[in-house]
């Protein structure tokens, strides 16, 4: 595999910082001045997002290309060469449901990642908002967002080597293009930054979020932690509600969903602004989300299995469903605690479906 080093607006010593990499990497290197100009000196009106890694600005390059420039606020422990090695890896991970990293800037203390610009902002802004905004998202759009996100995550887990565990799957990291095609952002960045930076924005004090309890409490990071977060995301997409805010009788979204499941009232979870929808499909999606959020990580399906259950009209074997667990932070003691059953049930081969696709 051949690599080419591309430079934009780099002069003199700025380029000479990395002479040993010029023939090794396939990274576009942008100067700080180029990005400063593109974003109008990182003007607040061009700010389009903020996350645990930094602030994102919309920028227009001199050739007219619109980009998203993420100004990193986290401090990487890596040197420049190691940092660029990781950036090169991320740049070469390409999939329709992943936000494409175009290049970066490393100049002085500045580290900026340059991504493709995705027109319709993030899912949390677009869907978990006012009723009028949510009403634009019919079931066809919402189901495609679920399936597209599952495809991107399945690719990160199973389609590349070494696989990438995202660690921060949430609505604000799912971007929507002009056709509402979902694209997962910020994948691979957890390898660059320390643990206490990479996922801190996921946790919301006093409420539950997307963190799998075994990861939040014991630091057990596997693909199944991403799958738990994906299950929470599906519930948000169907309900139009945030996972981090209490709802019915002060219950968080997952807890409320499980109660509705036990009562045989899952349809009450569906966003009232959704309009007409195929009830069987929606109930199947909710049950898939519950499979993803089971207390025992070993009982959660893999992402390819999740994708199959979402994509085909399969009757799910929900007799295999076990109670989920929820991570919450105590608002009184300040200590983290798991809510619901966190006992690890015996892990055995789980049959997720009862029938072949109809």
Protein backbone atom coordinates (compact mmCIF):
# COMPACT_ATOMS: atom_id res chain seq x y z
CA UNK A 1 0.00 0.00 0.00
CA UNK A 2 1.48 3.31 -1.03
CA UNK A 3 1.06 6.47 0.99
CA UNK A 4 1.26 10.07 -0.03
CA UNK A 5 1.75 13.07 2.20
CA UNK A 6 -0.43 16.00 1.16
CA UNK A 7 0.11 19.51 2.46
CA UNK A 8 -2.18 22.52 2.27
CA UNK A 9 -0.74 25.91 3.00
CA UNK A 10 2.33 24.60 4.85
CA UNK A 11 5.56 26.56 4.55
CA UNK A 12 9.08 26.27 5.82
CA UNK A 13 9.53 24.95 9.35
CA UNK A 14 5.90 23.95 9.70
CA UNK A 15 6.38 21.29 7.06
CA UNK A 16 9.85 20.38 8.25
CA UNK A 17 8.48 19.24 11.62
CA UNK A 18 7.60 15.90 9.99
CA UNK A 19 10.20 15.16 7.31
CA UNK A 20 10.34 11.45 8.24
CA UNK A 21 6.62 11.06 7.56
CA UNK A 22 6.47 12.62 4.12
CA UNK A 23 6.52 9.27 2.32
CA UNK A 24 4.68 7.18 4.90
CA UNK A 25 1.27 8.66 5.53
CA UNK A 26 -1.85 9.33 3.51
CA UNK A 27 -2.91 12.39 5.48
CA UNK A 28 -3.87 15.84 4.27
CA UNK A 29 -2.09 18.35 6.48
CA UNK A 30 -3.75 21.75 6.82
CA UNK A 31 -2.04 24.84 8.17
CA UNK A 32 -3.58 26.64 11.13
CA UNK A 33 -3.95 29.82 9.04
CA UNK A 34 -5.90 27.98 6.34
CA UNK A 35 -8.40 26.68 8.90
CA UNK A 36 -8.49 30.00 10.73
CA UNK A 37 -9.44 31.71 7.48
CA UNK A 38 -11.97 29.01 6.54
CA UNK A 39 -13.81 29.38 9.84
CA UNK A 40 -13.55 33.19 9.99
CA UNK A 41 -11.14 33.01 12.90
CA UNK A 42 -13.24 30.27 14.53
CA UNK A 43 -16.11 32.71 14.90
CA UNK A 44 -18.89 31.68 17.31
CA UNK A 45 -21.48 31.90 14.52
CA UNK A 46 -19.67 29.04 12.76
CA UNK A 47 -19.76 26.80 15.82
CA UNK A 48 -21.81 23.70 15.00
CA UNK A 49 -21.07 21.39 17.90
CA UNK A 50 -19.23 20.68 21.12
CA UNK A 51 -18.15 17.34 22.56
CA UNK A 52 -15.75 15.76 25.00
CA UNK A 53 -12.91 16.24 22.51
CA UNK A 54 -13.47 19.86 21.55
CA UNK A 55 -15.50 22.39 19.60
CA UNK A 56 -16.54 21.90 15.95
CA UNK A 57 -16.72 24.77 13.48
CA UNK A 58 -18.08 24.97 9.97
CA UNK A 59 -15.48 26.15 7.51
CA UNK A 60 -15.24 26.87 3.80
CA UNK A 61 -11.87 26.28 2.15
CA UNK A 62 -10.54 28.48 -0.64
CA UNK A 63 -11.63 25.91 -3.24
CA UNK A 64 -15.22 26.14 -1.95
CA UNK A 65 -15.21 22.84 -0.07
CA UNK A 66 -17.25 22.96 3.14
CA UNK A 67 -15.64 21.15 6.06
CA UNK A 68 -16.13 20.64 9.78
CA UNK A 69 -13.06 21.57 11.83
CA UNK A 70 -12.85 20.03 15.31
CA UNK A 71 -10.52 22.06 17.51
CA UNK A 72 -9.27 19.53 20.03
CA UNK A 73 -9.36 20.63 23.65
CA UNK A 74 -8.16 17.30 25.03
CA UNK A 75 -4.45 16.78 25.54
CA UNK A 76 -3.06 13.69 23.86
CA UNK A 77 -0.19 11.92 25.57
CA UNK A 78 1.21 10.90 22.20
CA UNK A 79 3.98 12.53 20.25
CA UNK A 80 3.36 13.98 16.82
CA UNK A 81 4.45 10.87 14.94
CA UNK A 82 2.28 8.56 17.05
CA UNK A 83 -0.64 10.98 16.79
CA UNK A 84 -0.37 11.04 13.01
CA UNK A 85 -0.16 7.25 12.90
CA UNK A 86 -3.53 7.03 14.65
CA UNK A 87 -4.99 9.77 12.45
CA UNK A 88 -3.80 7.87 9.38
CA UNK A 89 -5.61 4.77 10.61
CA UNK A 90 -8.85 6.70 11.11
CA UNK A 91 -8.52 8.42 7.72
CA UNK A 92 -8.36 5.05 5.97
CA UNK A 93 -11.53 3.72 7.67
CA UNK A 94 -14.21 4.48 5.08
CA UNK A 95 -17.89 3.53 5.09
CA UNK A 96 -21.07 5.36 3.98
CA UNK A 97 -22.27 5.44 7.60
CA UNK A 98 -19.08 6.88 9.07
CA UNK A 99 -18.07 10.55 9.01
CA UNK A 100 -14.98 10.80 6.81
CA UNK A 101 -11.87 12.33 8.33
CA UNK A 102 -10.19 14.41 5.62
CA UNK A 103 -7.04 15.52 7.41
CA UNK A 104 -5.64 17.44 10.34
CA UNK A 105 -3.58 20.37 11.54
CA UNK A 106 -0.66 19.97 13.95
CA UNK A 107 1.05 23.31 14.38
CA UNK A 108 2.50 24.47 17.66
CA UNK A 109 -0.05 23.66 20.37
CA UNK A 110 -2.88 23.45 17.83
CA UNK A 111 -4.38 20.11 16.92
CA UNK A 112 -7.41 20.27 14.65
CA UNK A 113 -9.22 17.47 12.85
CA UNK A 114 -10.85 18.24 9.50
CA UNK A 115 -13.96 16.21 8.63
CA UNK A 116 -16.46 16.14 5.81
CA UNK A 117 -19.32 18.52 6.50
CA UNK A 118 -22.64 16.81 7.21
CA UNK A 119 -25.60 19.07 6.40
CA UNK A 120 -28.38 18.14 8.82
CA UNK A 121 -26.48 18.43 12.09
CA UNK A 122 -26.60 15.75 14.77
CA UNK A 123 -29.43 13.43 15.67
CA UNK A 124 -29.96 14.96 19.10
CA UNK A 125 -30.65 18.36 17.55
CA UNK A 126 -32.81 16.99 14.76
CA UNK A 127 -34.91 14.38 16.53
CA UNK A 128 -34.87 14.79 20.29
CA UNK A 129 -36.33 18.27 20.15
CA UNK A 130 -39.67 19.97 19.61
CA UNK A 131 -42.73 18.09 18.38
CA UNK A 132 -42.70 20.09 15.15
CA UNK A 133 -39.13 19.05 14.41
CA UNK A 134 -39.73 15.41 15.30
CA UNK A 135 -42.83 15.28 13.12
CA UNK A 136 -40.57 15.59 10.07
CA UNK A 137 -39.10 12.19 10.91
CA UNK A 138 -41.54 9.54 9.74
CA UNK A 139 -40.99 5.87 10.46
CA UNK A 140 -39.15 5.34 7.18
CA UNK A 141 -36.54 7.93 8.11
CA UNK A 142 -36.23 6.75 11.70
CA UNK A 143 -35.85 3.09 10.75
CA UNK A 144 -33.19 3.96 8.19
CA UNK A 145 -31.29 5.95 10.82
CA UNK A 146 -31.34 2.89 13.10
CA UNK A 147 -30.24 0.53 10.32
CA UNK A 148 -27.59 2.88 8.92
CA UNK A 149 -26.08 3.44 12.37
CA UNK A 150 -26.08 -0.33 12.93
CA UNK A 151 -24.26 -0.82 9.61
CA UNK A 152 -21.58 1.71 10.55
CA UNK A 153 -21.07 0.20 13.99
CA UNK A 154 -21.01 -3.34 12.60
CA UNK A 155 -18.27 -2.22 10.20
CA UNK A 156 -16.20 -0.75 13.05
CA UNK A 157 -16.60 -3.96 15.08
CA UNK A 158 -16.30 -6.62 12.38
CA UNK A 159 -15.29 -5.06 9.06
CA UNK A 160 -11.81 -3.76 9.83
CA UNK A 161 -8.68 -5.06 11.54
CA UNK A 162 -8.00 -4.19 14.25
CA UNK A 163 -11.64 -3.49 15.17
CA UNK A 164 -12.64 -0.18 16.73
CA UNK A 165 -14.77 0.08 19.87
CA UNK A 166 -16.32 3.53 19.66
CA UNK A 167 -16.99 4.01 23.40
CA UNK A 168 -19.21 7.05 22.90
CA UNK A 169 -22.24 6.06 20.82
CA UNK A 170 -24.91 8.69 21.47
CA UNK A 171 -27.32 10.92 19.56
CA UNK A 172 -24.89 13.84 19.33
CA UNK A 173 -22.32 11.59 17.64
CA UNK A 174 -24.76 10.52 14.91
CA UNK A 175 -24.76 13.09 12.11
CA UNK A 176 -27.34 13.29 9.32
CA UNK A 177 -26.56 14.23 5.74
CA UNK A 178 -28.86 16.00 3.29
CA UNK A 179 -30.84 12.78 2.77
CA UNK A 180 -30.87 11.93 6.50
CA UNK A 181 -28.30 9.19 5.98
CA UNK A 182 -26.74 8.64 9.41
CA UNK A 183 -22.99 8.91 9.86
CA UNK A 184 -21.16 7.97 13.06
CA UNK A 185 -18.66 10.60 14.17
CA UNK A 186 -15.67 10.63 16.54
CA UNK A 187 -14.83 6.96 15.99
CA UNK A 188 -11.25 6.02 16.79
CA UNK A 189 -10.54 9.13 18.85
CA UNK A 190 -10.69 7.21 22.13
CA UNK A 191 -7.37 5.60 21.18
CA UNK A 192 -5.70 9.00 21.08
CA UNK A 193 -6.90 10.53 24.32
CA UNK A 194 -6.86 9.39 27.94
CA UNK A 195 -9.87 7.48 29.29
CA UNK A 196 -10.97 10.29 31.57
CA UNK A 197 -11.45 12.55 28.52
CA UNK A 198 -12.78 10.22 25.85
CA UNK A 199 -16.17 9.43 27.33
CA UNK A 200 -16.75 11.93 30.10
CA UNK A 201 -19.44 13.83 28.16
CA UNK A 202 -21.58 10.69 27.98
CA UNK A 203 -22.26 10.61 31.70
CA UNK A 204 -24.88 12.97 33.13
CA UNK A 205 -24.87 13.44 36.91
CA UNK A 206 -27.97 12.13 38.64
CA UNK A 207 -29.42 10.45 35.57
CA UNK A 208 -28.67 7.57 33.29
CA UNK A 209 -27.13 7.93 29.87
CA UNK A 210 -25.62 5.60 27.34
CA UNK A 211 -22.90 3.94 29.42
CA UNK A 212 -23.06 0.19 29.85
CA UNK A 213 -22.92 -0.50 33.60
CA UNK A 214 -20.01 -2.92 33.35
CA UNK A 215 -18.00 -0.22 31.59
CA UNK A 216 -19.05 2.64 33.87
CA UNK A 217 -18.50 0.73 37.11
CA UNK A 218 -15.69 -1.71 36.36
CA UNK A 219 -14.09 -0.30 33.22
CA UNK A 220 -14.87 -3.46 31.24
CA UNK A 221 -14.65 -2.17 27.68
CA UNK A 222 -15.76 -4.52 24.91
CA UNK A 223 -17.84 -4.28 21.76
CA UNK A 224 -20.84 -5.12 23.96
CA UNK A 225 -20.53 -1.70 25.64
CA UNK A 226 -21.12 -0.07 22.22
CA UNK A 227 -24.07 -2.42 21.67
CA UNK A 228 -25.64 -1.34 24.96
CA UNK A 229 -25.30 2.32 23.91
CA UNK A 230 -26.80 1.52 20.51
CA UNK A 231 -29.84 -0.02 22.23
CA UNK A 232 -30.37 3.18 24.19
CA UNK A 233 -30.05 5.18 20.96
CA UNK A 234 -32.79 3.10 19.27
CA UNK A 235 -35.14 3.78 22.18
CA UNK A 236 -34.47 7.51 21.82
CA UNK A 237 -35.16 7.42 18.08
CA UNK A 238 -38.49 5.62 18.57
CA UNK A 239 -39.66 7.61 21.58
CA UNK A 240 -38.27 11.03 20.68
CA UNK A 241 -37.10 11.29 24.29
CA UNK A 242 -33.67 11.74 25.82
CA UNK A 243 -32.20 8.81 27.73
CA UNK A 244 -30.71 11.16 30.29
CA UNK A 245 -33.95 12.74 31.53
CA UNK A 246 -36.49 11.12 33.84
CA UNK A 247 -39.91 10.52 32.27
CA UNK A 248 -42.92 8.61 33.59
CA UNK A 249 -42.94 8.74 37.42
CA UNK A 250 -39.29 9.89 37.36
CA UNK A 251 -38.18 6.76 35.53
CA UNK A 252 -35.43 6.98 32.95
CA UNK A 253 -36.08 5.82 29.40
CA UNK A 254 -34.75 2.26 29.67
CA UNK A 255 -36.46 1.63 33.00
CA UNK A 256 -39.76 2.92 31.63
CA UNK A 257 -39.38 0.79 28.49
CA UNK A 258 -38.83 -2.38 30.54
CA UNK A 259 -41.92 -1.65 32.65
CA UNK A 260 -43.99 -1.19 29.48
CA UNK A 261 -42.60 -4.45 28.10
CA UNK A 262 -43.58 -6.39 31.22
CA UNK A 263 -47.05 -4.82 31.11
CA UNK A 264 -47.49 -5.58 27.40
CA UNK A 265 -47.80 -1.86 26.59
CA UNK A 266 -44.71 -1.19 24.46
CA UNK A 267 -46.72 0.87 21.97
CA UNK A 268 -47.02 3.58 24.64
CA UNK A 269 -43.30 4.27 24.18
CA UNK A 270 -43.74 5.45 20.58
CA UNK A 271 -43.32 9.17 19.92
CA UNK A 272 -46.83 10.68 19.55
CA UNK A 273 -45.55 12.89 16.73
CA UNK A 274 -44.57 9.86 14.63
CA UNK A 275 -47.95 9.56 12.90
CA UNK A 276 -48.72 6.35 11.05
CA UNK A 277 -46.27 3.49 11.52
CA UNK A 278 -46.14 -0.31 11.15
CA UNK A 279 -46.75 -1.50 14.70
CA UNK A 280 -45.04 -4.89 14.30
CA UNK A 281 -41.85 -3.31 12.97
CA UNK A 282 -41.72 -0.68 15.70
CA UNK A 283 -42.27 -3.27 18.45
CA UNK A 284 -39.51 -5.42 16.93
CA UNK A 285 -37.09 -2.48 17.05
CA UNK A 286 -37.93 -1.84 20.71
CA UNK A 287 -37.33 -5.48 21.57
CA UNK A 288 -34.01 -5.43 19.70
CA UNK A 289 -33.04 -2.45 21.87
CA UNK A 290 -33.92 -4.48 24.97
CA UNK A 291 -31.76 -7.38 23.73
CA UNK A 292 -28.91 -4.88 23.39
CA UNK A 293 -29.28 -3.54 26.94
CA UNK A 294 -29.47 -6.76 28.92
CA UNK A 295 -27.57 -6.79 32.21
CA UNK A 296 -25.24 -9.61 31.19
CA UNK A 297 -23.06 -8.36 28.34
CA UNK A 298 -22.66 -11.95 27.15
CA UNK A 299 -26.36 -12.12 26.34
CA UNK A 300 -26.30 -9.07 24.10
CA UNK A 301 -26.22 -9.78 20.35
CA UNK A 302 -23.33 -8.79 18.11
CA UNK A 303 -23.84 -5.85 15.76
CA UNK A 304 -24.24 -8.13 12.67
CA UNK A 305 -26.98 -9.96 14.61
CA UNK A 306 -28.56 -6.65 15.56
CA UNK A 307 -28.50 -5.55 11.92
CA UNK A 308 -30.19 -8.78 10.82
CA UNK A 309 -32.95 -8.38 13.44
CA UNK A 310 -33.59 -4.79 12.39
CA UNK A 311 -33.44 -5.34 8.63
CA UNK A 312 -35.72 -8.36 8.26
CA UNK A 313 -39.28 -9.02 9.48
CA UNK A 314 -38.22 -11.66 11.98
CA UNK A 315 -40.26 -12.81 14.95
CA UNK A 316 -38.02 -12.30 17.95
CA UNK A 317 -37.69 -14.90 20.66
CA UNK A 318 -38.30 -12.41 23.45
CA UNK A 319 -38.65 -15.26 25.97
CA UNK A 320 -34.85 -15.03 26.01
CA UNK A 321 -34.95 -11.40 27.14
CA UNK A 322 -33.55 -10.71 30.58
CA UNK A 323 -33.88 -7.61 32.72
CA UNK A 324 -31.62 -4.70 31.72
CA UNK A 325 -29.32 -2.87 34.05
CA UNK A 326 -29.01 0.88 34.26
CA UNK A 327 -26.07 2.98 35.37
CA UNK A 328 -26.94 5.99 37.47
CA UNK A 329 -24.97 8.46 39.52
CA UNK A 330 -26.34 9.16 42.95
CA UNK A 331 -27.18 12.81 43.46
CA UNK A 332 -26.94 12.48 47.26
CA UNK A 333 -23.79 10.50 47.96
CA UNK A 334 -21.98 11.50 44.79
CA UNK A 335 -21.11 7.87 44.19
CA UNK A 336 -21.87 5.94 41.05
CA UNK A 337 -24.22 3.02 41.35
CA UNK A 338 -25.93 0.55 39.04
CA UNK A 339 -29.71 0.49 39.14
CA UNK A 340 -31.88 -2.54 38.33
CA UNK A 341 -30.51 -6.08 38.44
CA UNK A 342 -26.80 -6.22 37.69
CA UNK A 343 -26.38 -9.90 38.43
CA UNK A 344 -24.62 -11.72 35.65
CA UNK A 345 -26.83 -14.49 34.39
CA UNK A 346 -25.25 -17.65 33.11
CA UNK A 347 -24.01 -17.09 29.58
CA UNK A 348 -25.24 -19.60 27.07
CA UNK A 349 -26.01 -19.61 23.38
CA UNK A 350 -29.02 -17.34 22.94
CA UNK A 351 -31.57 -17.83 20.19
CA UNK A 352 -32.66 -14.32 19.30
CA UNK A 353 -35.28 -15.34 16.74
CA UNK A 354 -38.08 -17.85 16.59
CA UNK A 355 -38.76 -17.92 12.87
CA UNK A 356 -36.97 -17.40 9.59
CA UNK A 357 -37.70 -14.11 7.85
CA UNK A 358 -41.17 -13.94 6.44
